[in-house]
Amino acid sequence: MDSDEVFAKYLQEQEDLLSKDYELAKRLQQEQSICIEQEPHPDIYRLFSTYNQQYFDGKLDRVELCWSTKMTRCAGTCTYMFDGHCVIRLSEPLLKFRSKKDLLETLLHEMIHAYLFVTQRNDNHDGHGPEFLYEAKRINELTNLNISVYHNFMDEVDYYLTHVWQCNGVCQDIPPYYGIVKRSMNRPPQPADSWYAEHQLTCGGTFIKLSEPTHTNKKRKKPQSNTLDHYFKRTKN
């Protein structure tokens, strides 16, 4: 065997070793993600780290993940920053009502958005086009999950919309909204709303508050920690 054949054989052996190492690493990552997913209250930060390596080739190292206590309209968002990184926020108020499967699917949904931004600079916030669908299908086929286009969880969203107004103008008789505005905070319809100017032109009615949360003057008991507290770790500032 001449020197070229020896060198070629050596390169092939090294390639085979790398291939075996890669397959072993992928298998270990899959086993790790399964173990975390099977926990009663999986740690989303550990899941994010594992999913990043397993499904996104480690491209999401600069992506920030955090819980939001104020998001009540959507279970998750991915915000793109000017410096090239992005932030994934998951809604604590909405996801505490949902199953563990919904939590995992929401996390992966937002990770796909982050991946498309990092790799393609796709910053379309409503971007559920071919690229998103391809990635969702790819991951769904590797898991028992069902990553979908939307995760608004309307029943849970409506639970927090406790401040309700209705217009006393002509729009109160027009479906589908019948002049009703619901919000999670006590902020009445006002000129700052994008639709308010058009409403004044086409209807001109006044919004009357119909309902709001019941408050009590009694000293409230300290709320008990809900099960969602197990999903994340508190960090010291």
Protein backbone atom coordinates (compact mmCIF):
# COMPACT_ATOMS: atom_id res chain seq x y z
CA MET A 1 0.00 0.00 0.00
CA ASP A 2 1.56 3.30 -1.10
CA SER A 3 1.61 6.50 0.95
CA ASP A 4 -1.43 7.99 -0.80
CA GLU A 5 -3.54 4.94 -0.01
CA VAL A 6 -2.36 4.98 3.61
CA PHE A 7 -3.26 8.65 3.93
CA ALA A 8 -6.66 8.13 2.29
CA LYS A 9 -7.38 5.23 4.65
CA TYR A 10 -6.40 7.40 7.62
CA LEU A 11 -8.73 10.21 6.50
CA GLN A 12 -11.58 7.74 6.05
CA GLU A 13 -11.03 6.32 9.53
CA GLN A 14 -11.05 9.82 11.01
CA GLU A 15 -14.25 10.66 9.14
CA ASP A 16 -15.87 7.47 10.40
CA LEU A 17 -14.89 8.34 13.97
CA LEU A 18 -16.30 11.85 13.63
CA SER A 19 -19.51 10.43 12.19
CA LYS A 20 -19.84 8.01 15.10
CA ASP A 21 -19.11 10.80 17.60
CA TYR A 22 -21.75 13.00 15.94
CA GLU A 23 -24.35 10.24 16.00
CA LEU A 24 -23.53 9.50 19.64
CA ALA A 25 -23.82 13.18 20.58
CA LYS A 26 -27.19 13.46 18.83
CA ARG A 27 -28.44 10.33 20.58
CA LEU A 28 -27.33 11.65 23.96
CA GLN A 29 -29.00 15.00 23.27
CA GLN A 30 -32.22 13.24 22.35
CA GLU A 31 -32.11 11.14 25.51
CA GLN A 32 -31.44 14.26 27.58
CA SER A 33 -34.38 16.15 26.07
CA ILE A 34 -36.67 13.17 26.68
CA CYS A 35 -35.58 13.04 30.33
CA ILE A 36 -36.26 16.77 30.80
CA GLU A 37 -39.60 16.58 28.98
CA GLN A 38 -40.71 13.76 31.25
CA GLU A 39 -40.12 15.83 34.37
CA PRO A 40 -43.37 17.00 36.03
CA HIS A 41 -42.21 20.62 35.73
CA PRO A 42 -39.49 20.84 33.07
CA ASP A 43 -36.91 23.60 33.30
CA ILE A 44 -37.38 25.70 30.16
CA TYR A 45 -33.78 26.93 30.25
CA ARG A 46 -32.40 23.39 30.20
CA LEU A 47 -34.89 22.50 27.47
CA PHE A 48 -33.86 25.53 25.44
CA SER A 49 -30.19 24.59 25.69
CA THR A 50 -30.90 20.99 24.68
CA TYR A 51 -33.27 21.90 21.85
CA ASN A 52 -30.74 24.43 20.57
CA GLN A 53 -28.16 21.71 20.04
CA GLN A 54 -30.57 18.98 18.99
CA TYR A 55 -32.73 20.80 16.45
CA PHE A 56 -30.99 24.09 15.63
CA ASP A 57 -27.27 23.16 15.43
CA GLY A 58 -26.39 25.48 18.31
CA LYS A 59 -27.29 28.59 16.28
CA LEU A 60 -29.37 30.11 19.11
CA ASP A 61 -26.58 30.75 21.62
CA ARG A 62 -27.23 34.53 21.52
CA VAL A 63 -30.98 34.18 21.95
CA GLU A 64 -32.33 35.24 25.34
CA LEU A 65 -35.19 33.35 26.99
CA CYS A 66 -37.38 34.67 29.79
CA TRP A 67 -40.81 34.42 31.40
CA SER A 68 -43.25 37.34 31.17
CA THR A 69 -45.82 38.00 33.88
CA LYS A 70 -47.55 40.73 31.84
CA MET A 71 -48.24 39.00 28.52
CA THR A 72 -51.92 38.01 28.43
CA ARG A 73 -52.66 38.14 24.70
CA CYS A 74 -50.22 35.56 23.37
CA ALA A 75 -48.46 32.55 24.85
CA GLY A 76 -45.10 33.44 23.36
CA THR A 77 -43.25 36.11 21.39
CA CYS A 78 -39.89 36.48 19.68
CA THR A 79 -38.53 40.03 19.61
CA TYR A 80 -35.72 40.93 17.22
CA MET A 81 -33.04 43.38 18.34
CA PHE A 82 -30.97 45.76 16.21
CA ASP A 83 -27.69 44.22 17.34
CA GLY A 84 -28.59 40.85 15.81
CA HIS A 85 -29.84 38.91 18.81
CA CYS A 86 -33.42 38.26 19.84
CA VAL A 87 -35.48 37.62 22.96
CA ILE A 88 -38.04 34.86 23.44
CA ARG A 89 -40.71 35.59 26.04
CA LEU A 90 -43.19 33.02 27.31
CA SER A 91 -46.41 34.04 29.02
CA GLU A 92 -46.58 32.86 32.62
CA PRO A 93 -50.28 33.85 33.02
CA LEU A 94 -51.39 31.84 29.96
CA LEU A 95 -49.12 28.83 30.08
CA LYS A 96 -49.84 28.06 33.74
CA PHE A 97 -53.28 26.95 32.55
CA ARG A 98 -51.94 24.75 29.77
CA SER A 99 -50.46 21.28 29.57
CA LYS A 100 -46.76 20.50 29.56
CA LYS A 101 -47.07 19.62 25.86
CA ASP A 102 -48.39 23.11 25.10
CA LEU A 103 -45.42 24.61 26.91
CA LEU A 104 -42.92 22.58 24.87
CA GLU A 105 -44.66 23.37 21.59
CA THR A 106 -44.81 27.08 22.38
CA LEU A 107 -41.11 27.14 23.24
CA LEU A 108 -40.14 25.36 20.01
CA HIS A 109 -42.48 27.60 17.99
CA GLU A 110 -40.64 30.70 19.17
CA MET A 111 -37.25 29.01 18.75
CA ILE A 112 -38.09 28.46 15.08
CA HIS A 113 -38.78 32.19 14.69
CA ALA A 114 -35.45 32.94 16.38
CA TYR A 115 -33.64 30.42 14.17
CA LEU A 116 -35.03 31.96 10.97
CA PHE A 117 -34.01 35.41 12.17
CA VAL A 118 -30.49 34.35 13.15
CA THR A 119 -29.82 32.34 9.99
CA GLN A 120 -31.85 34.25 7.38
CA ARG A 121 -32.54 37.64 9.01
CA ASN A 122 -36.22 36.80 8.62
CA ASP A 123 -37.80 39.36 10.95
CA ASN A 124 -41.41 38.99 9.79
CA HIS A 125 -43.33 38.74 13.07
CA ASP A 126 -46.21 37.03 11.29
CA GLY A 127 -43.80 34.95 9.28
CA HIS A 128 -45.39 31.52 9.16
CA GLY A 129 -44.45 31.00 5.54
CA PRO A 130 -42.73 28.06 3.82
CA GLU A 131 -39.55 28.34 5.90
CA PHE A 132 -41.41 28.25 9.21
CA LEU A 133 -43.66 25.40 8.07
CA TYR A 134 -40.63 23.42 6.89
CA GLU A 135 -38.88 23.74 10.25
CA ALA A 136 -42.07 22.95 12.19
CA LYS A 137 -42.68 19.83 10.08
CA ARG A 138 -39.05 18.75 10.48
CA ILE A 139 -39.18 18.97 14.28
CA ASN A 140 -42.67 17.47 14.51
CA GLU A 141 -41.42 14.41 12.64
CA LEU A 142 -38.59 14.01 15.16
CA THR A 143 -40.84 14.36 18.19
CA ASN A 144 -44.32 13.51 19.39
CA LEU A 145 -45.19 17.21 19.40
CA ASN A 146 -47.44 19.21 17.10
CA ILE A 147 -45.93 22.65 16.58
CA SER A 148 -48.62 24.76 14.92
CA VAL A 149 -48.79 28.23 13.41
CA TYR A 150 -50.72 29.87 16.25
CA HIS A 151 -50.82 29.43 20.01
CA ASN A 152 -53.13 32.17 21.29
CA PHE A 153 -55.13 29.93 23.68
CA MET A 154 -58.23 32.11 23.40
CA ASP A 155 -60.03 30.70 26.46
CA GLU A 156 -57.07 31.59 28.66
CA VAL A 157 -56.68 35.01 27.01
CA ASP A 158 -60.34 35.79 27.66
CA TYR A 159 -59.91 34.82 31.31
CA TYR A 160 -57.71 37.89 31.86
CA LEU A 161 -59.85 40.36 29.86
CA THR A 162 -61.80 41.48 32.92
CA HIS A 163 -62.19 45.17 32.04
CA VAL A 164 -65.08 45.51 29.58
CA TRP A 165 -66.50 48.56 27.77
CA GLN A 166 -69.30 48.89 25.23
CA CYS A 167 -69.96 51.76 22.85
CA ASN A 168 -73.36 53.46 23.10
CA GLY A 169 -73.28 54.42 19.41
CA VAL A 170 -74.41 52.60 16.28
CA CYS A 171 -71.57 50.05 16.44
CA GLN A 172 -73.22 48.35 19.44
CA ASP A 173 -75.59 46.72 16.94
CA ILE A 174 -72.90 45.67 14.46
CA PRO A 175 -71.37 42.15 14.66
CA PRO A 176 -69.01 40.56 15.43
CA TYR A 177 -67.90 42.84 18.30
CA TYR A 178 -71.11 44.79 18.99
CA GLY A 179 -69.07 47.74 20.21
CA ILE A 180 -67.45 45.71 23.00
CA VAL A 181 -63.80 46.18 24.01
CA LYS A 182 -62.17 43.83 26.55
CA ARG A 183 -58.81 44.41 28.19
CA SER A 184 -56.68 42.90 30.92
CA MET A 185 -55.84 46.33 32.36
CA ASN A 186 -58.00 49.32 33.24
CA ARG A 187 -57.19 51.34 30.11
CA PRO A 188 -60.36 52.62 28.41
CA PRO A 189 -60.57 53.03 24.62
CA GLN A 190 -58.72 56.23 23.72
CA PRO A 191 -57.09 58.17 20.86
CA ALA A 192 -53.84 56.23 21.38
CA ASP A 193 -55.56 53.11 20.00
CA SER A 194 -54.88 52.63 16.28
CA TRP A 195 -58.57 52.08 15.48
CA TYR A 196 -59.99 54.90 17.63
CA ALA A 197 -59.92 57.69 15.00
CA GLU A 198 -61.79 55.55 12.49
CA HIS A 199 -64.33 54.63 15.17
CA GLN A 200 -64.98 58.30 15.90
CA LEU A 201 -65.58 58.97 12.21
CA THR A 202 -67.84 55.99 11.51
CA CYS A 203 -69.65 55.76 14.85
CA GLY A 204 -68.79 58.59 17.22
CA GLY A 205 -70.24 56.82 20.24
CA THR A 206 -68.90 56.84 23.79
CA PHE A 207 -67.52 53.76 25.51
CA ILE A 208 -69.27 52.93 28.77
CA LYS A 209 -67.63 50.55 31.21
CA LEU A 210 -69.71 47.44 31.85
CA SER A 211 -67.58 45.40 34.22
CA GLU A 212 -64.26 45.15 36.03
CA PRO A 213 -62.63 42.86 38.61
CA THR A 214 -64.21 42.82 42.04
CA HIS A 215 -61.92 44.41 44.62
CA THR A 216 -62.11 44.01 48.34
CA ASN A 217 -60.79 46.14 51.20
CA LYS A 218 -60.00 43.06 53.24
CA LYS A 219 -56.36 42.23 53.70
CA ARG A 220 -55.51 39.60 51.17
CA LYS A 221 -53.72 36.44 52.09
CA LYS A 222 -50.34 35.89 50.58
CA PRO A 223 -50.96 33.98 47.35
CA GLN A 224 -49.74 30.42 47.24
CA SER A 225 -47.10 29.54 44.70
CA ASN A 226 -48.65 27.90 41.67
CA THR A 227 -47.16 24.96 39.84
CA LEU A 228 -45.55 27.21 37.24
CA ASP A 229 -42.95 28.29 39.79
CA HIS A 230 -41.33 24.90 39.24
CA TYR A 231 -40.71 25.73 35.58
CA PHE A 232 -38.07 28.36 36.19
CA LYS A 233 -35.37 29.36 38.60
CA ARG A 234 -35.11 32.71 40.31
CA THR A 235 -31.83 34.53 39.73
CA LYS A 236 -30.11 36.91 42.09
CA ASN A 237 -29.46 40.43 40.80
